[in-house]
Amino acid sequence: MKKQWVAVNEQETVAAAYDRLQQQGYQIVGRREVPVFEEVKGEPVPVRQQIEFCVIEAKDER
């Protein structure tokens, strides 16, 4: 069972990404949110949250 992390696209809703991954034959087994920072005047400033799903191929599930 090989796991991989797949990011939700910036212009995509979480629900749309979930549906897309299921249609591609993946089963979602986890989710994480990673903060994305931008440097402004030498200081890190939070810009947004990057949402990622941990997926496995559905055929691997028993």
Protein backbone atom coordinates (compact mmCIF):
# COMPACT_ATOMS: atom_id res chain seq x y z
CA MET A 1 0.00 0.00 0.00
CA LYS A 2 1.87 3.05 -1.31
CA LYS A 3 0.73 6.37 0.14
CA GLN A 4 1.24 9.73 -1.52
CA TRP A 5 0.26 13.33 -0.78
CA VAL A 6 -1.77 15.21 -3.40
CA ALA A 7 -2.39 18.95 -3.11
CA VAL A 8 -5.73 20.65 -3.70
CA ASN A 9 -5.31 23.09 -6.60
CA GLU A 10 -5.59 26.80 -5.75
CA GLN A 11 -8.71 27.33 -7.90
CA GLU A 12 -10.38 24.09 -6.72
CA THR A 13 -12.67 23.47 -3.76
CA VAL A 14 -11.84 20.76 -1.26
CA ALA A 15 -14.99 18.86 -2.29
CA ALA A 16 -14.05 19.06 -5.98
CA ALA A 17 -10.53 17.77 -5.23
CA TYR A 18 -11.99 14.93 -3.14
CA ASP A 19 -14.32 13.92 -6.00
CA ARG A 20 -11.50 14.22 -8.57
CA LEU A 21 -9.22 11.92 -6.58
CA GLN A 22 -11.97 9.33 -6.09
CA GLN A 23 -12.73 9.37 -9.83
CA GLN A 24 -9.02 8.81 -10.51
CA GLY A 25 -9.21 5.61 -8.45
CA TYR A 26 -7.74 6.82 -5.18
CA GLN A 27 -9.00 6.34 -1.65
CA ILE A 28 -8.40 9.26 0.72
CA VAL A 29 -6.81 8.11 3.99
CA GLY A 30 -5.66 11.42 5.45
CA ARG A 31 -5.62 15.19 5.17
CA ARG A 32 -3.23 17.91 6.26
CA GLU A 33 -3.00 21.67 5.99
CA VAL A 34 0.38 23.28 5.49
CA PRO A 35 0.82 27.05 5.89
CA VAL A 36 2.35 28.87 2.91
CA PHE A 37 4.46 31.92 3.75
CA GLU A 38 5.78 34.83 1.72
CA GLU A 39 8.72 36.96 2.79
CA VAL A 40 7.84 40.65 3.21
CA LYS A 41 10.57 43.03 4.41
CA GLY A 42 12.59 40.07 5.65
CA GLU A 43 9.74 38.64 7.73
CA PRO A 44 7.63 35.58 6.92
CA VAL A 45 3.97 36.47 6.37
CA PRO A 46 1.28 33.77 6.11
CA VAL A 47 -0.38 33.85 2.68
CA ARG A 48 -2.72 30.83 2.69
CA GLN A 49 -3.16 27.22 3.76
CA GLN A 50 -2.18 24.46 1.31
CA ILE A 51 -4.55 21.51 1.78
CA GLU A 52 -3.25 18.06 0.86
CA PHE A 53 -4.87 14.62 0.85
CA CYS A 54 -3.00 11.42 1.62
CA VAL A 55 -4.19 8.85 -0.91
CA ILE A 56 -3.71 5.19 -1.81
CA GLU A 57 -4.90 3.36 -4.89
CA ALA A 58 -8.39 1.98 -4.18
CA LYS A 59 -7.48 -1.46 -5.53
CA ASP A 60 -4.86 -1.82 -2.75
CA GLU A 61 -7.58 -1.61 -0.06
CA ARG A 62 -8.67 -5.02 1.25
